[in-house]
Amino acid sequence: MLARTTDPIVAIATASGRGAVGIVRVSGARLAPLVDALCGRPLKPREATYLPFRDAAGEPVDHGLAIHFPSPHSFTGEDVLELQAHGGTVVLQLLLARCLEAAAEADPVTGRPRLPGLRVAEPGEFSQRAFLNGKIDLAQAEAIADLIDASTEAAARSAGRSLSGAFSREIHALRDALIHLRMLVEATLDFPEEEIDFLQKADATGQLAKLQAQLAAVQQRAKQGALLREGIKVVIAGQPNAGKSSLLNALAGAELAIVSAVAGTTRDVVSETIQIHGVPLHVVDTAGLRESSDEVEQIGVARAWGQIEGADAVLFLHDLTRAGQPEYAAADAEILRVLQHKLPASVPVLDVWNKQDAAPMPETAGAAQQGIALSAKTGLGIEALREQLLAMAGWQAVPEGVYLARARHVQALGQVETHLALAASHLAAQAQLLDLLAEELRLAQNALNEITGEFGADDLLGVIFSRFCIGK
């Protein structure tokens, strides 16, 4: 649920722990009495002032910078006070407590509490206020959290583009074109007696086709942005001693997993996030897939299948040195059969042939035709595998045009695509089913509005902002 949006709020806006500077932020209506109590005097708007922050007895809690942003010229659109103090945990907690105490004290002039109802902010509540007060839209609000959480330079730059409104502007352009088309359709419905065919004269078919092309371009960039934010989960699977742990170490460039010639060394899941051209890939090493009487190994194999079922892509690792052995080939065939049964068709399975450095040349050449041959030990073929992983993820290098997007944005754009396709079929129908056409266009516009927050349920907003850090 949305938090109470009329209460004044306060929070420590910097990460916990020691630091050179820490910030306590207050947002609400008419903060002047609180400013006087904490700073001892009024502050010039948007001007940093160095002064002592005073306790109830007038003694300084700390010395630092105070900045007052009067409404509406602030991040939240309300009055905002920022106290920039030394970044010690105790100091910031004292300042936070002092803000709450001063708000409840009686104002010497009015005799009423200086700032009644001041409370500690919930996670994301400052950004929520900015959204509700029209300072940013929902896509920009999400970009704030994405910028904070960005794990790569590419993700940070793309989040910055979303925060600046690049993604929102594209959504608004789509929406405006959609509204214009809806207007034509509604006019035709409202004035059926007119002989003028509004839709034909305005080239409604051409407008809809152009809108669909525009949408496809936005979808492509949004999918790339979602990859930058979410990455993909890649699971390494195969028989014991195929070199799965060695491959994880080679991809990560670090000794993360224990490597041994003893089959069945890996008993549990080992994962690491790597970056390829700025795209995060969550690589998971699993226990070797085989029948076993060992209870611990059985648990490891069960966990391996659990990871495989949740994968976005699977690397099916084979051992080139054993490729010609009938028993080994039969076991690989059985694993492939189960993979095809458990995985949806949309999840790619890439055959990777390991130990190229130790394998006979004919077997190496044959394997290269069926997948990628490499050596996790020497690094031969690892770069080719990295590029193949990006291709499997659907990445296309267009860094300057990419804005960070979320899975819900991609899903909403997919809904728009479906509604526009149905609208095109109704428009092309011989009888021109205008009522159905108008409804599909309306539903497409609603799906677009969900991205920017102009149309959506309160519980969705509550979920989104609850995942922010406190003080943001």
Protein backbone atom coordinates (compact mmCIF):
# COMPACT_ATOMS: atom_id res chain seq x y z
CA MET A 1 0.00 0.00 0.00
CA LEU A 2 1.10 3.59 -0.52
CA ALA A 3 2.43 5.32 2.57
CA ARG A 4 0.55 8.25 4.11
CA THR A 5 1.54 10.96 1.64
CA THR A 6 0.63 14.02 3.70
CA ASP A 7 2.91 13.30 6.68
CA PRO A 8 6.24 15.11 6.90
CA ILE A 9 9.08 12.57 6.74
CA VAL A 10 12.72 12.38 7.80
CA ALA A 11 15.49 9.85 7.19
CA ILE A 12 19.21 9.37 7.01
CA ALA A 13 19.88 9.58 3.27
CA THR A 14 23.38 8.09 3.22
CA ALA A 15 24.55 4.52 3.69
CA SER A 16 25.17 3.26 7.21
CA GLY A 17 28.74 3.15 8.51
CA ARG A 18 31.60 5.61 8.78
CA GLY A 19 32.12 8.27 6.13
CA ALA A 20 33.34 11.80 5.61
CA VAL A 21 29.82 13.16 5.14
CA GLY A 22 26.35 11.94 6.08
CA ILE A 23 22.99 13.48 5.20
CA VAL A 24 19.73 13.73 7.12
CA ARG A 25 16.83 14.74 4.88
CA VAL A 26 13.42 16.14 5.84
CA SER A 27 10.48 16.64 3.46
CA GLY A 28 7.07 18.13 4.18
CA ALA A 29 4.99 21.29 4.20
CA ARG A 30 6.10 24.50 5.98
CA LEU A 31 9.46 23.47 7.42
CA ALA A 32 10.49 27.00 8.50
CA PRO A 33 9.81 26.44 12.25
CA LEU A 34 11.89 23.24 12.18
CA VAL A 35 14.68 25.04 10.32
CA ASP A 36 14.77 27.72 13.04
CA ALA A 37 14.91 25.10 15.79
CA LEU A 38 17.74 23.09 14.24
CA CYS A 39 19.79 25.86 12.68
CA GLY A 40 18.99 28.83 14.96
CA ARG A 41 17.96 31.08 12.07
CA PRO A 42 16.21 31.10 8.68
CA LEU A 43 18.16 29.88 5.66
CA LYS A 44 18.43 31.41 2.21
CA PRO A 45 16.69 29.17 -0.33
CA ARG A 46 18.94 26.64 -2.06
CA GLU A 47 22.10 28.09 -0.51
CA ALA A 48 24.45 25.94 1.58
CA THR A 49 25.11 27.48 5.00
CA TYR A 50 27.76 26.27 7.43
CA LEU A 51 26.48 26.36 11.01
CA PRO A 52 25.97 24.28 14.18
CA PHE A 53 23.02 21.88 14.39
CA ARG A 54 21.58 22.52 17.84
CA ASP A 55 19.96 20.24 20.40
CA ALA A 56 17.08 21.22 22.71
CA ALA A 57 19.46 23.05 25.07
CA GLY A 58 21.01 25.04 22.24
CA GLU A 59 24.25 23.04 22.29
CA PRO A 60 25.70 21.87 18.97
CA VAL A 61 25.19 18.23 18.03
CA ASP A 62 27.56 18.77 15.10
CA HIS A 63 28.68 21.47 12.66
CA GLY A 64 27.88 21.11 8.97
CA LEU A 65 26.02 22.43 5.94
CA ALA A 66 22.28 23.09 5.93
CA ILE A 67 20.29 23.62 2.71
CA HIS A 68 16.62 24.57 2.55
CA PHE A 69 14.73 23.88 -0.70
CA PRO A 70 11.32 25.61 -0.50
CA SER A 71 8.40 24.04 -2.35
CA PRO A 72 7.99 23.42 -5.25
CA HIS A 73 11.66 23.76 -6.20
CA SER A 74 12.89 20.56 -4.59
CA PHE A 75 13.31 16.89 -5.42
CA THR A 76 10.03 15.91 -3.78
CA GLY A 77 8.08 19.04 -4.71
CA GLU A 78 7.62 19.78 -0.99
CA ASP A 79 9.78 21.84 1.36
CA VAL A 80 13.03 19.92 1.84
CA LEU A 81 15.76 20.42 4.45
CA GLU A 82 19.11 18.68 4.12
CA LEU A 83 21.59 18.56 6.97
CA GLN A 84 25.05 17.52 5.82
CA ALA A 85 27.03 16.44 8.86
CA HIS A 86 30.03 14.25 9.61
CA GLY A 87 29.35 10.71 8.50
CA GLY A 88 29.44 8.87 11.80
CA THR A 89 26.61 6.51 12.69
CA VAL A 90 26.06 8.02 16.15
CA VAL A 91 26.13 11.62 14.88
CA LEU A 92 23.52 10.93 12.21
CA GLN A 93 21.28 9.03 14.63
CA LEU A 94 21.49 11.98 17.05
CA LEU A 95 20.50 14.38 14.27
CA LEU A 96 17.62 12.15 13.24
CA ALA A 97 16.39 11.97 16.83
CA ARG A 98 16.78 15.74 17.19
CA CYS A 99 14.63 16.35 14.09
CA LEU A 100 11.84 14.20 15.53
CA GLU A 101 12.18 15.87 18.94
CA ALA A 102 12.19 19.43 17.53
CA ALA A 103 9.15 18.68 15.38
CA ALA A 104 7.14 17.65 18.44
CA GLU A 105 8.23 20.65 20.58
CA ALA A 106 5.91 23.62 20.96
CA ASP A 107 6.72 26.56 18.76
CA PRO A 108 7.47 29.61 21.00
CA VAL A 109 5.31 31.85 18.79
CA THR A 110 2.24 29.68 18.10
CA GLY A 111 2.44 27.29 21.03
CA ARG A 112 1.69 24.38 18.67
CA PRO A 113 4.09 21.58 17.60
CA ARG A 114 6.60 22.88 15.08
CA LEU A 115 5.98 20.07 12.58
CA PRO A 116 3.19 17.76 13.74
CA GLY A 117 3.25 14.20 12.49
CA LEU A 118 6.92 14.07 11.46
CA ARG A 119 7.93 10.41 11.13
CA VAL A 120 10.78 8.32 9.79
CA ALA A 121 10.41 7.75 6.05
CA GLU A 122 9.68 4.35 4.61
CA PRO A 123 11.94 2.89 1.88
CA GLY A 124 11.69 4.92 -1.32
CA GLU A 125 9.27 7.43 0.15
CA PHE A 126 11.18 10.54 -0.97
CA SER A 127 11.17 9.27 -4.57
CA GLN A 128 7.51 8.32 -4.15
CA ARG A 129 6.71 11.91 -3.13
CA ALA A 130 8.59 13.18 -6.21
CA PHE A 131 6.49 10.89 -8.40
CA LEU A 132 3.18 11.76 -6.75
CA ASN A 133 3.95 15.47 -6.96
CA GLY A 134 4.74 15.28 -10.68
CA LYS A 135 8.48 15.93 -10.42
CA ILE A 136 9.32 12.62 -12.12
CA ASP A 137 7.32 9.83 -13.72
CA LEU A 138 7.38 6.20 -12.62
CA ALA A 139 10.00 5.10 -15.16
CA GLN A 140 12.32 7.88 -13.92
CA ALA A 141 11.67 6.94 -10.30
CA GLU A 142 12.65 3.35 -11.04
CA ALA A 143 15.77 4.63 -12.81
CA ILE A 144 16.91 6.23 -9.53
CA ALA A 145 17.01 2.84 -7.84
CA ASP A 146 18.59 1.28 -10.93
CA LEU A 147 21.33 3.92 -10.98
CA ILE A 148 22.12 3.21 -7.33
CA ASP A 149 22.14 -0.56 -7.94
CA ALA A 150 24.02 -0.48 -11.27
CA SER A 151 26.77 -3.10 -11.31
CA THR A 152 28.44 -2.04 -14.58
CA GLU A 153 29.43 1.23 -16.23
CA ALA A 154 27.09 0.51 -19.14
CA ALA A 155 24.19 -0.08 -16.73
CA ALA A 156 24.96 3.16 -14.85
CA ARG A 157 25.06 5.21 -18.05
CA SER A 158 21.84 3.64 -19.31
CA ALA A 159 20.12 4.27 -15.97
CA GLY A 160 21.26 7.89 -16.21
CA ARG A 161 19.60 8.18 -19.62
CA SER A 162 16.38 6.77 -18.20
CA LEU A 163 16.54 9.17 -15.25
CA SER A 164 17.00 12.10 -17.61
CA GLY A 165 13.75 11.07 -19.31
CA ALA A 166 15.01 9.44 -22.54
CA PHE A 167 12.83 6.34 -22.09
CA SER A 168 9.84 8.37 -20.91
CA ARG A 169 10.05 10.68 -23.93
CA GLU A 170 9.87 7.69 -26.27
CA ILE A 171 6.86 6.34 -24.39
CA HIS A 172 5.15 9.74 -24.52
CA ALA A 173 5.82 10.00 -28.28
CA LEU A 174 4.17 6.61 -28.77
CA ARG A 175 1.27 7.62 -26.57
CA ASP A 176 0.73 10.93 -28.43
CA ALA A 177 0.65 9.16 -31.79
CA LEU A 178 -1.75 6.61 -30.35
CA ILE A 179 -4.03 9.32 -28.95
CA HIS A 180 -4.15 11.02 -32.37
CA LEU A 181 -5.17 7.75 -33.99
CA ARG A 182 -7.78 7.14 -31.31
CA MET A 183 -9.19 10.61 -31.97
CA LEU A 184 -9.72 9.75 -35.63
CA VAL A 185 -11.42 6.46 -34.80
CA GLU A 186 -13.66 8.07 -32.16
CA ALA A 187 -14.61 10.81 -34.63
CA THR A 188 -15.71 8.18 -37.13
CA LEU A 189 -17.75 6.44 -34.44
CA ASP A 190 -19.32 9.67 -33.20
CA PHE A 191 -20.38 10.94 -36.63
CA PRO A 192 -21.46 7.88 -38.64
CA GLU A 193 -23.83 9.95 -40.76
CA GLU A 194 -20.99 11.97 -42.27
CA GLU A 195 -20.02 10.89 -45.77
CA ILE A 196 -16.40 11.78 -45.16
CA ASP A 197 -14.34 8.71 -44.31
CA PHE A 198 -12.14 10.15 -41.60
CA LEU A 199 -9.92 7.09 -41.38
CA GLN A 200 -9.24 6.83 -45.09
CA LYS A 201 -8.53 10.53 -45.55
CA ALA A 202 -6.18 10.59 -42.56
CA ASP A 203 -4.41 7.39 -43.71
CA ALA A 204 -5.21 5.58 -40.46
CA THR A 205 -3.68 2.38 -41.83
CA GLY A 206 -0.41 4.17 -42.54
CA GLN A 207 -0.46 5.85 -39.12
CA LEU A 208 -0.98 2.51 -37.39
CA ALA A 209 1.84 0.88 -39.38
CA LYS A 210 4.17 3.75 -38.48
CA LEU A 211 3.15 3.40 -34.83
CA GLN A 212 3.96 -0.31 -34.92
CA ALA A 213 7.39 0.39 -36.44
CA GLN A 214 8.04 3.02 -33.76
CA LEU A 215 7.04 0.54 -31.08
CA ALA A 216 9.37 -2.14 -32.46
CA ALA A 217 12.34 0.23 -32.17
CA VAL A 218 11.45 1.11 -28.58
CA GLN A 219 10.97 -2.57 -27.74
CA GLN A 220 14.41 -3.42 -29.09
CA ARG A 221 16.13 -0.77 -26.95
CA ALA A 222 14.03 -1.69 -23.91
CA LYS A 223 15.01 -5.36 -24.22
CA GLN A 224 18.66 -4.35 -24.39
CA GLY A 225 18.15 -2.15 -21.33
CA ALA A 226 16.47 -4.99 -19.45
CA LEU A 227 19.49 -7.18 -20.24
CA LEU A 228 21.81 -4.53 -18.81
CA ARG A 229 19.76 -4.39 -15.63
CA GLU A 230 18.75 -8.01 -15.11
CA GLY A 231 21.41 -9.94 -17.01
CA ILE A 232 20.78 -13.61 -17.74
CA LYS A 233 21.23 -16.76 -15.69
CA VAL A 234 23.56 -19.24 -17.42
CA VAL A 235 23.80 -22.73 -15.92
CA ILE A 236 26.75 -25.03 -16.71
CA ALA A 237 25.51 -28.63 -16.82
CA GLY A 238 27.03 -31.97 -17.75
CA GLN A 239 28.46 -35.21 -16.50
CA PRO A 240 30.98 -35.34 -13.63
CA ASN A 241 34.57 -34.34 -14.46
CA ALA A 242 33.65 -32.63 -17.73
CA GLY A 243 35.33 -29.45 -16.47
CA LYS A 244 32.32 -27.42 -15.33
CA SER A 245 34.16 -25.85 -12.38
CA SER A 246 37.19 -25.10 -14.58
CA LEU A 247 34.90 -23.39 -17.10
CA LEU A 248 33.31 -21.25 -14.36
CA ASN A 249 36.79 -20.22 -13.19
CA ALA A 250 37.88 -19.44 -16.76
CA LEU A 251 34.82 -17.28 -17.44
CA ALA A 252 35.15 -15.46 -14.11
CA GLY A 253 38.92 -15.08 -14.33
CA ALA A 254 39.30 -16.28 -10.74
CA GLU A 255 39.59 -19.54 -8.81
CA LEU A 256 36.06 -19.65 -7.44
CA ALA A 257 35.30 -23.37 -7.57
CA ILE A 258 37.44 -26.29 -6.44
CA VAL A 259 38.91 -28.15 -9.42
CA SER A 260 39.93 -31.79 -9.03
CA ALA A 261 40.43 -34.86 -11.22
CA VAL A 262 38.14 -36.73 -8.82
CA ALA A 263 34.65 -37.04 -10.34
CA GLY A 264 31.87 -35.55 -8.22
CA THR A 265 34.00 -32.91 -6.48
CA THR A 266 31.30 -30.26 -6.90
CA ARG A 267 28.43 -31.18 -4.57
CA ASP A 268 26.61 -27.84 -4.35
CA VAL A 269 25.78 -24.84 -6.49
CA VAL A 270 28.56 -22.27 -7.07
CA SER A 271 27.61 -19.03 -8.81
CA GLU A 272 29.35 -15.86 -9.94
CA THR A 273 28.25 -12.77 -11.84
CA ILE A 274 30.56 -11.84 -14.70
CA GLN A 275 30.41 -8.94 -17.13
CA ILE A 276 30.69 -9.22 -20.89
CA HIS A 277 30.66 -5.83 -22.63
CA GLY A 278 28.82 -4.45 -19.59
CA VAL A 279 26.10 -7.12 -19.63
CA PRO A 280 25.88 -9.07 -16.34
CA LEU A 281 25.76 -12.84 -16.71
CA HIS A 282 24.99 -14.90 -13.62
CA VAL A 283 26.96 -18.10 -14.26
CA VAL A 284 26.09 -21.15 -12.15
CA ASP A 285 28.30 -24.24 -11.73
CA THR A 286 26.43 -27.37 -10.73
CA ALA A 287 27.10 -30.91 -9.57
CA GLY A 288 27.77 -33.51 -12.26
CA LEU A 289 24.58 -35.14 -13.53
CA ARG A 290 24.62 -38.90 -12.91
CA GLU A 291 22.93 -41.63 -10.89
CA SER A 292 24.56 -41.98 -7.47
CA SER A 293 24.05 -43.90 -4.23
CA ASP A 294 25.79 -41.13 -2.28
CA GLU A 295 23.08 -39.20 -0.40
CA VAL A 296 25.01 -35.90 -0.48
CA GLU A 297 25.71 -36.21 -4.20
CA GLN A 298 22.02 -36.99 -4.82
CA ILE A 299 21.11 -33.70 -3.14
CA GLY A 300 23.69 -31.90 -5.30
CA VAL A 301 22.26 -33.43 -8.48
CA ALA A 302 18.71 -32.47 -7.44
CA ARG A 303 19.86 -28.89 -6.83
CA ALA A 304 21.59 -28.90 -10.20
CA TRP A 305 18.34 -29.79 -11.97
CA GLY A 306 16.57 -27.09 -9.95
CA GLN A 307 19.05 -24.49 -11.22
CA ILE A 308 18.73 -25.77 -14.78
CA GLU A 309 14.94 -25.42 -14.71
CA GLY A 310 15.31 -21.74 -13.74
CA ALA A 311 18.00 -20.94 -16.34
CA ASP A 312 17.80 -18.42 -19.17
CA ALA A 313 20.44 -20.42 -21.04
CA VAL A 314 22.26 -23.73 -20.47
CA LEU A 315 25.83 -24.62 -21.38
CA PHE A 316 25.82 -28.40 -21.91
CA LEU A 317 29.45 -29.29 -21.27
CA HIS A 318 31.01 -32.36 -22.90
CA ASP A 319 34.43 -33.95 -22.39
CA LEU A 320 36.27 -34.28 -25.73
CA THR A 321 38.67 -36.86 -24.28
CA ARG A 322 35.74 -39.21 -23.64
CA ALA A 323 33.61 -38.29 -26.67
CA GLY A 324 34.28 -41.61 -28.41
CA GLN A 325 33.28 -43.80 -25.47
CA PRO A 326 29.83 -45.43 -25.99
CA GLU A 327 28.85 -45.26 -22.30
CA TYR A 328 29.77 -41.59 -22.09
CA ALA A 329 27.88 -40.74 -25.28
CA ALA A 330 24.81 -42.65 -24.03
CA ALA A 331 24.86 -40.74 -20.71
CA ASP A 332 25.12 -37.42 -22.59
CA ALA A 333 22.18 -38.42 -24.79
CA GLU A 334 20.08 -39.18 -21.70
CA ILE A 335 20.96 -35.80 -20.14
CA LEU A 336 19.97 -34.06 -23.38
CA ARG A 337 16.65 -35.94 -23.42
CA VAL A 338 15.85 -34.75 -19.87
CA LEU A 339 16.97 -31.20 -20.71
CA GLN A 340 14.61 -31.07 -23.68
CA HIS A 341 11.80 -32.37 -21.49
CA LYS A 342 12.37 -29.95 -18.59
CA LEU A 343 13.24 -26.76 -20.49
CA PRO A 344 10.86 -24.64 -22.58
CA ALA A 345 11.80 -24.21 -26.24
CA SER A 346 12.69 -20.55 -25.57
CA VAL A 347 15.68 -21.52 -23.36
CA PRO A 348 18.74 -22.13 -25.57
CA VAL A 349 21.07 -25.07 -24.90
CA LEU A 350 24.61 -24.61 -26.22
CA ASP A 351 26.90 -27.63 -26.67
CA VAL A 352 30.35 -26.81 -25.30
CA TRP A 353 33.18 -29.32 -25.88
CA ASN A 354 35.91 -28.98 -23.26
CA LYS A 355 39.52 -30.26 -23.00
CA GLN A 356 40.40 -29.38 -26.59
CA ASP A 357 44.05 -29.19 -25.52
CA ALA A 358 44.06 -32.90 -24.64
CA ALA A 359 41.66 -34.28 -27.26
CA PRO A 360 42.51 -36.00 -30.58
CA MET A 361 42.14 -33.67 -33.56
CA PRO A 362 39.38 -35.60 -35.44
CA GLU A 363 37.08 -35.50 -32.41
CA THR A 364 37.84 -31.80 -31.91
CA ALA A 365 36.95 -31.00 -35.53
CA GLY A 366 33.69 -32.94 -35.32
CA ALA A 367 32.68 -31.23 -32.07
CA ALA A 368 33.33 -27.76 -33.49
CA GLN A 369 30.59 -28.37 -36.06
CA GLN A 370 28.06 -29.08 -33.29
CA GLY A 371 28.93 -26.31 -30.83
CA ILE A 372 31.98 -24.59 -29.39
CA ALA A 373 35.22 -26.46 -28.73
CA LEU A 374 37.49 -24.94 -26.09
CA SER A 375 39.95 -25.58 -23.31
CA ALA A 376 38.98 -24.23 -19.90
CA LYS A 377 42.50 -25.09 -18.75
CA THR A 378 44.40 -23.02 -21.34
CA GLY A 379 41.69 -20.45 -22.14
CA LEU A 380 41.51 -21.46 -25.80
CA GLY A 381 38.03 -20.68 -27.14
CA ILE A 382 36.84 -18.85 -24.01
CA GLU A 383 36.48 -15.52 -25.84
CA ALA A 384 34.39 -17.17 -28.55
CA LEU A 385 32.15 -18.61 -25.83
CA ARG A 386 31.75 -15.16 -24.26
CA GLU A 387 30.58 -13.71 -27.58
CA GLN A 388 28.22 -16.64 -28.09
CA LEU A 389 26.73 -16.08 -24.62
CA LEU A 390 25.96 -12.47 -25.56
CA ALA A 391 24.32 -13.63 -28.77
CA MET A 392 22.25 -16.17 -26.83
CA ALA A 393 21.13 -13.39 -24.50
CA GLY A 394 19.97 -11.33 -27.48
CA TRP A 395 22.45 -8.52 -26.91
CA GLN A 396 23.14 -6.10 -29.74
CA ALA A 397 25.74 -3.45 -29.05
CA VAL A 398 23.90 -0.13 -29.27
CA PRO A 399 25.19 1.48 -26.03
CA GLU A 400 24.42 5.10 -26.88
CA GLY A 401 20.76 4.39 -27.59
CA VAL A 402 20.06 2.06 -24.69
CA TYR A 403 18.19 3.16 -21.61
CA LEU A 404 17.83 0.91 -18.59
CA ALA A 405 14.48 -0.85 -18.53
CA ARG A 406 12.79 -3.40 -16.32
CA ALA A 407 11.02 -6.66 -17.05
CA ARG A 408 7.67 -4.97 -16.41
CA HIS A 409 8.45 -2.35 -19.07
CA VAL A 410 9.24 -5.05 -21.64
CA GLN A 411 6.06 -6.90 -20.67
CA ALA A 412 3.95 -3.74 -21.01
CA LEU A 413 5.43 -3.00 -24.45
CA GLY A 414 4.61 -6.58 -25.43
CA GLN A 415 0.99 -5.93 -24.46
CA VAL A 416 0.97 -2.79 -26.61
CA GLU A 417 2.32 -4.83 -29.53
CA THR A 418 -0.49 -7.38 -29.13
CA HIS A 419 -3.21 -4.72 -28.95
CA LEU A 420 -1.85 -2.86 -32.00
CA ALA A 421 -1.72 -6.10 -33.99
CA LEU A 422 -5.38 -6.76 -33.13
CA ALA A 423 -6.22 -3.15 -33.99
CA ALA A 424 -4.57 -3.58 -37.40
CA SER A 425 -6.64 -6.71 -38.07
CA HIS A 426 -9.87 -4.86 -37.17
CA LEU A 427 -8.88 -1.91 -39.36
CA ALA A 428 -8.12 -4.20 -42.29
CA ALA A 429 -11.40 -6.11 -41.92
CA GLN A 430 -13.80 -5.61 -44.77
CA ALA A 431 -16.48 -4.33 -42.41
CA GLN A 432 -13.95 -2.21 -40.46
CA LEU A 433 -14.81 -3.25 -36.91
CA LEU A 434 -14.42 0.25 -35.49
CA ASP A 435 -15.77 -0.50 -32.00
CA LEU A 436 -13.21 -3.26 -31.53
CA LEU A 437 -10.49 -1.10 -33.11
CA ALA A 438 -11.21 1.72 -30.65
CA GLU A 439 -11.10 -0.68 -27.70
CA GLU A 440 -7.73 -2.19 -28.72
CA LEU A 441 -6.24 1.30 -29.10
CA ARG A 442 -7.54 2.24 -25.65
CA LEU A 443 -6.00 -0.87 -24.10
CA ALA A 444 -2.70 -0.15 -25.86
CA GLN A 445 -2.67 3.35 -24.41
CA ASN A 446 -3.37 2.01 -20.90
CA ALA A 447 -0.41 -0.37 -21.23
CA LEU A 448 1.85 2.53 -22.21
CA ASN A 449 0.56 4.63 -19.31
CA GLU A 450 1.44 1.84 -16.86
CA ILE A 451 5.12 2.33 -17.73
CA THR A 452 5.18 6.00 -16.72
CA GLY A 453 2.66 5.57 -13.89
CA GLU A 454 -0.12 7.63 -15.45
CA PHE A 455 -2.33 4.59 -15.17
CA GLY A 456 -1.78 1.88 -12.57
CA ALA A 457 -2.83 0.39 -9.26
CA ASP A 458 -1.66 1.65 -5.88
CA ASP A 459 -0.40 -1.80 -4.93
CA LEU A 460 1.99 -1.76 -7.92
CA LEU A 461 3.40 1.57 -6.76
CA GLY A 462 3.76 0.21 -3.24
CA VAL A 463 5.77 -2.77 -4.46
CA ILE A 464 8.04 -0.62 -6.63
CA PHE A 465 8.93 1.97 -3.98
CA SER A 466 9.26 -0.54 -1.13
CA ARG A 467 12.37 -1.92 -2.87
CA PHE A 468 14.21 1.43 -2.68
CA CYS A 469 16.70 2.15 0.08
CA ILE A 470 15.58 4.24 3.04
CA GLY A 471 16.29 7.96 2.57
CA LYS A 472 15.78 7.86 -1.21
